[in-house]
Amino acid sequence: MHKRIMTRPAIGILFLSFAVIAATVSATRADETDLPMRKAGLWDMKMRITGGGIPTMSMQQCTDAATDKDLRTIYSPLANETCDRRTVQKTATGYAVERVCKKGDDTVTTHIDITGDYQSAYQAHLVSRTPDESSDDPASSDLTLDAKYLGPCKSGQVPGDIIMMGGMKINLKDVLKLRQQQGSASN
C-alpha cells in the first residue's frame, strides 16, 4: 500500500486548518456563554486567508459530539497559551469571541465573529493580532471559514476523518500524533 508522506508546509497548513476549526467550536469557561455543538455528520469547509498569497483551502470533516469535544480541548489553538481574557457573547446573528492570550513573550489578541446555526451552515471570521511582529510570525492574520453541512458521513468514514484537497485523508488522532512528534523533534 502506497503511503503519502506529508511535507512540512502541508503539515503546517493542516495544523492551521485545525486551529481555525477548533477556534470556531472552542470551549469556554463555565461562567461564559458556550458555543453550540455542530451537527454530527459531514461538513464541507472552505478557509480563505486574506493576504499572504495562500489560495482558498477546502476540506471535508466527518464529525460527531466526541470529535468536536476533542477539538475544543486538544486542538484548541490556544491550548498552550495562558489567556487573561476569554469571552463568548451571543449576538443578534451568532456569537462574538474575544481572547487575549500569552504565547511565549507575545500577547495574541483574537476576535472571532461567528454567524449561522451549527446545524446547516456557519461562517467564522477570525482576526488575530500580535503587537510585536517577529520574523517567524506575521503581526496579524485575517481568515474566514465557511462551513456547510452535507449530511451523514460517507461510507468508510469515521468521526475525526478529514479529507483534504487532492483527496488526502487523515484522522484527528493521527494529527495529534504528528503534533507530538513535531514537539519532540523541536526539543
C-alpha atoms as a PDB file:
ATOM      1  CA  MET A   1       0.000   0.000   0.000  1.00  0.00           C
ATOM      2  CA  HIS A   2       1.348   3.414  -1.017  1.00  0.00           C
ATOM      3  CA  LYS A   3       1.562   5.874   1.844  1.00  0.00           C
ATOM      4  CA  ARG A   4       1.750   9.613   1.187  1.00  0.00           C
ATOM      5  CA  ILE A   5       4.456  11.493   3.021  1.00  0.00           C
ATOM      6  CA  MET A   6       3.395  14.928   4.187  1.00  0.00           C
ATOM      7  CA  THR A   7       5.776  17.805   3.608  1.00  0.00           C
ATOM      8  CA  ARG A   8       6.469  20.348   6.340  1.00  0.00           C
ATOM      9  CA  PRO A   9       4.351  23.054   4.559  1.00  0.00           C
ATOM     10  CA  ALA A  10       1.446  20.583   4.199  1.00  0.00           C
ATOM     11  CA  ILE A  11       1.631  19.757   7.909  1.00  0.00           C
ATOM     12  CA  GLY A  12       1.701  23.482   8.714  1.00  0.00           C
ATOM     13  CA  ILE A  13      -1.398  24.128   6.597  1.00  0.00           C
ATOM     14  CA  LEU A  14      -3.111  21.122   8.179  1.00  0.00           C
ATOM     15  CA  PHE A  15      -2.405  22.425  11.703  1.00  0.00           C
ATOM     16  CA  LEU A  16      -3.583  25.906  10.692  1.00  0.00           C
ATOM     17  CA  SER A  17      -6.808  24.379   9.382  1.00  0.00           C
ATOM     18  CA  PHE A  18      -7.413  22.531  12.659  1.00  0.00           C
ATOM     19  CA  ALA A  19      -6.612  25.657  14.659  1.00  0.00           C
ATOM     20  CA  VAL A  20      -9.259  27.611  12.762  1.00  0.00           C
ATOM     21  CA  ILE A  21     -11.846  24.847  13.108  1.00  0.00           C
ATOM     22  CA  ALA A  22     -11.042  24.489  16.801  1.00  0.00           C
ATOM     23  CA  ALA A  23     -11.314  28.232  17.329  1.00  0.00           C
ATOM     24  CA  THR A  24     -14.825  28.204  15.908  1.00  0.00           C
ATOM     25  CA  VAL A  25     -16.006  25.377  18.183  1.00  0.00           C
ATOM     26  CA  SER A  26     -13.724  26.016  21.162  1.00  0.00           C
ATOM     27  CA  ALA A  27     -14.934  25.638  24.709  1.00  0.00           C
ATOM     28  CA  THR A  28     -15.213  28.407  27.211  1.00  0.00           C
ATOM     29  CA  ARG A  29     -15.144  28.609  30.961  1.00  0.00           C
ATOM     30  CA  ALA A  30     -18.270  27.601  32.844  1.00  0.00           C
ATOM     31  CA  ASP A  31     -19.205  31.232  33.558  1.00  0.00           C
ATOM     32  CA  GLU A  32     -19.272  32.190  29.878  1.00  0.00           C
ATOM     33  CA  THR A  33     -21.712  31.654  27.048  1.00  0.00           C
ATOM     34  CA  ASP A  34     -20.973  28.316  25.395  1.00  0.00           C
ATOM     35  CA  LEU A  35     -20.888  27.814  21.647  1.00  0.00           C
ATOM     36  CA  PRO A  36     -23.257  25.138  20.351  1.00  0.00           C
ATOM     37  CA  MET A  37     -22.041  21.768  19.119  1.00  0.00           C
ATOM     38  CA  ARG A  38     -22.018  21.180  15.385  1.00  0.00           C
ATOM     39  CA  LYS A  39     -24.495  18.722  13.938  1.00  0.00           C
ATOM     40  CA  ALA A  40     -22.899  15.272  13.634  1.00  0.00           C
ATOM     41  CA  GLY A  41     -22.074  14.272  10.079  1.00  0.00           C
ATOM     42  CA  LEU A  42     -20.059  15.515   7.104  1.00  0.00           C
ATOM     43  CA  TRP A  43     -19.121  19.200   6.909  1.00  0.00           C
ATOM     44  CA  ASP A  44     -17.668  20.921   3.847  1.00  0.00           C
ATOM     45  CA  MET A  45     -15.275  23.692   4.909  1.00  0.00           C
ATOM     46  CA  LYS A  46     -13.545  26.395   2.917  1.00  0.00           C
ATOM     47  CA  MET A  47     -10.908  28.599   4.511  1.00  0.00           C
ATOM     48  CA  ARG A  48      -9.813  31.896   2.962  1.00  0.00           C
ATOM     49  CA  ILE A  49      -6.820  33.789   4.285  1.00  0.00           C
ATOM     50  CA  THR A  50      -6.646  37.481   3.444  1.00  0.00           C
ATOM     51  CA  GLY A  51      -3.205  38.401   2.159  1.00  0.00           C
ATOM     52  CA  GLY A  52      -0.191  36.131   2.120  1.00  0.00           C
ATOM     53  CA  GLY A  53      -0.986  34.589  -1.274  1.00  0.00           C
ATOM     54  CA  ILE A  54      -2.426  31.354   0.139  1.00  0.00           C
ATOM     55  CA  PRO A  55      -5.294  30.030  -2.004  1.00  0.00           C
ATOM     56  CA  THR A  56      -8.663  29.043  -0.547  1.00  0.00           C
ATOM     57  CA  MET A  57      -8.300  25.705   1.205  1.00  0.00           C
ATOM     58  CA  SER A  58     -11.127  23.180   1.038  1.00  0.00           C
ATOM     59  CA  MET A  59     -11.704  20.092   3.129  1.00  0.00           C
ATOM     60  CA  GLN A  60     -14.461  17.884   4.428  1.00  0.00           C
ATOM     61  CA  GLN A  61     -14.706  16.691   8.007  1.00  0.00           C
ATOM     62  CA  CYS A  62     -16.707  13.801   9.414  1.00  0.00           C
ATOM     63  CA  THR A  63     -17.580  14.789  12.955  1.00  0.00           C
ATOM     64  CA  ASP A  64     -19.641  13.857  15.983  1.00  0.00           C
ATOM     65  CA  ALA A  65     -20.012  15.239  19.524  1.00  0.00           C
ATOM     66  CA  ALA A  66     -16.893  13.426  20.802  1.00  0.00           C
ATOM     67  CA  THR A  67     -14.770  14.769  17.913  1.00  0.00           C
ATOM     68  CA  ASP A  68     -15.932  18.329  18.498  1.00  0.00           C
ATOM     69  CA  LYS A  69     -15.222  17.887  22.201  1.00  0.00           C
ATOM     70  CA  ASP A  70     -11.654  16.848  21.298  1.00  0.00           C
ATOM     71  CA  LEU A  71     -11.338  19.920  19.078  1.00  0.00           C
ATOM     72  CA  ARG A  72     -12.481  22.060  21.995  1.00  0.00           C
ATOM     73  CA  THR A  73      -9.607  20.805  24.124  1.00  0.00           C
ATOM     74  CA  ILE A  74      -6.712  19.052  22.388  1.00  0.00           C
ATOM     75  CA  TYR A  75      -6.606  21.049  19.164  1.00  0.00           C
ATOM     76  CA  SER A  76      -7.509  24.448  20.520  1.00  0.00           C
ATOM     77  CA  PRO A  77      -5.087  26.956  19.005  1.00  0.00           C
ATOM     78  CA  LEU A  78      -4.782  28.419  22.475  1.00  0.00           C
ATOM     79  CA  ALA A  79      -4.193  25.126  24.312  1.00  0.00           C
ATOM     80  CA  ASN A  80      -0.545  26.010  25.041  1.00  0.00           C
ATOM     81  CA  GLU A  81      -1.232  29.638  25.867  1.00  0.00           C
ATOM     82  CA  THR A  82      -2.184  31.465  29.041  1.00  0.00           C
ATOM     83  CA  CYS A  83      -5.288  33.532  28.399  1.00  0.00           C
ATOM     84  CA  ASP A  84      -6.043  36.572  30.531  1.00  0.00           C
ATOM     85  CA  ARG A  85      -9.399  37.077  28.853  1.00  0.00           C
ATOM     86  CA  ARG A  86     -11.721  34.658  27.040  1.00  0.00           C
ATOM     87  CA  THR A  87     -15.263  35.741  26.353  1.00  0.00           C
ATOM     88  CA  VAL A  88     -18.065  34.434  24.181  1.00  0.00           C
ATOM     89  CA  GLN A  89     -21.122  36.614  23.716  1.00  0.00           C
ATOM     90  CA  LYS A  90     -24.350  35.798  21.927  1.00  0.00           C
ATOM     91  CA  THR A  91     -25.078  38.410  19.245  1.00  0.00           C
ATOM     92  CA  ALA A  92     -28.126  39.057  17.067  1.00  0.00           C
ATOM     93  CA  THR A  93     -26.573  36.980  14.260  1.00  0.00           C
ATOM     94  CA  GLY A  94     -24.458  34.440  16.138  1.00  0.00           C
ATOM     95  CA  TYR A  95     -21.523  34.786  18.514  1.00  0.00           C
ATOM     96  CA  ALA A  96     -18.556  37.077  19.162  1.00  0.00           C
ATOM     97  CA  VAL A  97     -15.451  35.554  20.734  1.00  0.00           C
ATOM     98  CA  GLU A  98     -12.593  37.602  22.229  1.00  0.00           C
ATOM     99  CA  ARG A  99      -9.359  36.197  23.560  1.00  0.00           C
ATOM    100  CA  VAL A 100      -6.226  37.844  24.879  1.00  0.00           C
ATOM    101  CA  CYS A 101      -3.512  35.256  25.439  1.00  0.00           C
ATOM    102  CA  LYS A 102       0.216  34.968  26.037  1.00  0.00           C
ATOM    103  CA  LYS A 103       2.227  32.732  23.752  1.00  0.00           C
ATOM    104  CA  GLY A 104       5.813  32.841  24.854  1.00  0.00           C
ATOM    105  CA  ASP A 105       6.722  36.522  25.156  1.00  0.00           C
ATOM    106  CA  ASP A 106       3.965  37.641  22.760  1.00  0.00           C
ATOM    107  CA  THR A 107       0.420  38.726  23.542  1.00  0.00           C
ATOM    108  CA  VAL A 108      -2.066  37.474  20.945  1.00  0.00           C
ATOM    109  CA  THR A 109      -5.461  39.132  20.646  1.00  0.00           C
ATOM    110  CA  THR A 110      -8.056  37.124  18.713  1.00  0.00           C
ATOM    111  CA  HIS A 111     -11.538  38.214  17.695  1.00  0.00           C
ATOM    112  CA  ILE A 112     -13.949  35.781  16.011  1.00  0.00           C
ATOM    113  CA  ASP A 113     -17.376  36.645  14.620  1.00  0.00           C
ATOM    114  CA  ILE A 114     -19.489  33.541  14.026  1.00  0.00           C
ATOM    115  CA  THR A 115     -22.789  33.547  12.155  1.00  0.00           C
ATOM    116  CA  GLY A 116     -25.022  30.624  11.322  1.00  0.00           C
ATOM    117  CA  ASP A 117     -26.645  27.816  13.216  1.00  0.00           C
ATOM    118  CA  TYR A 118     -24.063  24.985  13.548  1.00  0.00           C
ATOM    119  CA  GLN A 119     -26.792  22.696  12.136  1.00  0.00           C
ATOM    120  CA  SER A 120     -26.768  23.535   8.413  1.00  0.00           C
ATOM    121  CA  ALA A 121     -24.085  26.188   7.884  1.00  0.00           C
ATOM    122  CA  TYR A 122     -21.942  28.718   9.693  1.00  0.00           C
ATOM    123  CA  GLN A 123     -19.244  31.243   8.915  1.00  0.00           C
ATOM    124  CA  ALA A 124     -16.418  32.331  11.190  1.00  0.00           C
ATOM    125  CA  HIS A 125     -14.284  35.405  10.563  1.00  0.00           C
ATOM    126  CA  LEU A 126     -11.137  35.277  12.701  1.00  0.00           C
ATOM    127  CA  VAL A 127      -8.667  38.128  13.188  1.00  0.00           C
ATOM    128  CA  SER A 128      -5.571  37.604  15.359  1.00  0.00           C
ATOM    129  CA  ARG A 129      -3.082  40.320  16.183  1.00  0.00           C
ATOM    130  CA  THR A 130       0.349  40.178  17.754  1.00  0.00           C
ATOM    131  CA  PRO A 131       1.699  43.657  18.510  1.00  0.00           C
ATOM    132  CA  ASP A 132       5.355  42.586  18.315  1.00  0.00           C
ATOM    133  CA  GLU A 133       5.989  41.380  14.788  1.00  0.00           C
ATOM    134  CA  SER A 134       8.724  38.769  14.595  1.00  0.00           C
ATOM    135  CA  SER A 135      10.375  37.258  11.566  1.00  0.00           C
ATOM    136  CA  ASP A 136       8.585  33.953  12.280  1.00  0.00           C
ATOM    137  CA  ASP A 137       5.005  35.195  12.646  1.00  0.00           C
ATOM    138  CA  PRO A 138       3.097  37.992  10.919  1.00  0.00           C
ATOM    139  CA  ALA A 139       1.699  40.788  13.094  1.00  0.00           C
ATOM    140  CA  SER A 140      -1.864  39.859  12.171  1.00  0.00           C
ATOM    141  CA  SER A 141      -3.889  37.219  10.408  1.00  0.00           C
ATOM    142  CA  ASP A 142      -7.333  37.536   8.883  1.00  0.00           C
ATOM    143  CA  LEU A 143      -9.198  34.472   7.766  1.00  0.00           C
ATOM    144  CA  THR A 144     -12.705  33.266   7.085  1.00  0.00           C
ATOM    145  CA  LEU A 145     -14.065  29.750   7.447  1.00  0.00           C
ATOM    146  CA  ASP A 146     -17.280  28.818   5.606  1.00  0.00           C
ATOM    147  CA  ALA A 147     -18.781  25.518   6.757  1.00  0.00           C
ATOM    148  CA  LYS A 148     -21.779  23.754   5.241  1.00  0.00           C
ATOM    149  CA  TYR A 149     -23.434  20.570   6.483  1.00  0.00           C
ATOM    150  CA  LEU A 150     -23.588  17.915   3.727  1.00  0.00           C
ATOM    151  CA  GLY A 151     -25.403  15.086   5.534  1.00  0.00           C
ATOM    152  CA  PRO A 152     -24.259  11.848   7.148  1.00  0.00           C
ATOM    153  CA  CYS A 153     -20.616  10.850   6.857  1.00  0.00           C
ATOM    154  CA  LYS A 154     -19.821   8.793   3.780  1.00  0.00           C
ATOM    155  CA  SER A 155     -19.410   5.025   3.888  1.00  0.00           C
ATOM    156  CA  GLY A 156     -15.987   4.151   5.295  1.00  0.00           C
ATOM    157  CA  GLN A 157     -15.562   7.473   7.109  1.00  0.00           C
ATOM    158  CA  VAL A 158     -15.273   7.654  10.864  1.00  0.00           C
ATOM    159  CA  PRO A 159     -15.645  10.725  13.076  1.00  0.00           C
ATOM    160  CA  GLY A 160     -12.425  12.700  13.009  1.00  0.00           C
ATOM    161  CA  ASP A 161     -11.658  11.936   9.362  1.00  0.00           C
ATOM    162  CA  ILE A 162     -10.579  14.977   7.361  1.00  0.00           C
ATOM    163  CA  ILE A 163     -10.481  14.769   3.568  1.00  0.00           C
ATOM    164  CA  MET A 164      -8.092  17.437   2.323  1.00  0.00           C
ATOM    165  CA  MET A 165      -7.754  18.927  -1.140  1.00  0.00           C
ATOM    166  CA  GLY A 166      -6.402  16.304  -3.523  1.00  0.00           C
ATOM    167  CA  GLY A 167      -8.176  13.500  -1.643  1.00  0.00           C
ATOM    168  CA  MET A 168      -5.629  13.068   1.163  1.00  0.00           C
ATOM    169  CA  LYS A 169      -7.396  11.687   4.246  1.00  0.00           C
ATOM    170  CA  ILE A 170      -6.178  11.964   7.800  1.00  0.00           C
ATOM    171  CA  ASN A 171      -7.855  11.472  11.161  1.00  0.00           C
ATOM    172  CA  LEU A 172      -7.618  13.939  14.063  1.00  0.00           C
ATOM    173  CA  LYS A 173      -5.924  11.273  16.198  1.00  0.00           C
ATOM    174  CA  ASP A 174      -3.184  10.994  13.557  1.00  0.00           C
ATOM    175  CA  VAL A 175      -2.772  14.773  13.618  1.00  0.00           C
ATOM    176  CA  LEU A 176      -2.275  14.658  17.384  1.00  0.00           C
ATOM    177  CA  LYS A 177       0.494  12.083  16.880  1.00  0.00           C
ATOM    178  CA  LEU A 178       2.151  14.334  14.246  1.00  0.00           C
ATOM    179  CA  ARG A 179       1.879  17.309  16.582  1.00  0.00           C
ATOM    180  CA  GLN A 180       3.502  15.342  19.400  1.00  0.00           C
ATOM    181  CA  GLN A 181       6.286  14.146  17.065  1.00  0.00           C
ATOM    182  CA  GLN A 182       6.968  17.716  15.906  1.00  0.00           C
ATOM    183  CA  GLY A 183       7.083  18.867  19.534  1.00  0.00           C
ATOM    184  CA  SER A 184       9.547  16.101  20.407  1.00  0.00           C
ATOM    185  CA  ALA A 185      11.711  16.864  17.381  1.00  0.00           C
ATOM    186  CA  SER A 186      11.997  20.563  18.270  1.00  0.00           C
ATOM    187  CA  ASN A 187      13.187  19.870  21.848  1.00  0.00           C
END
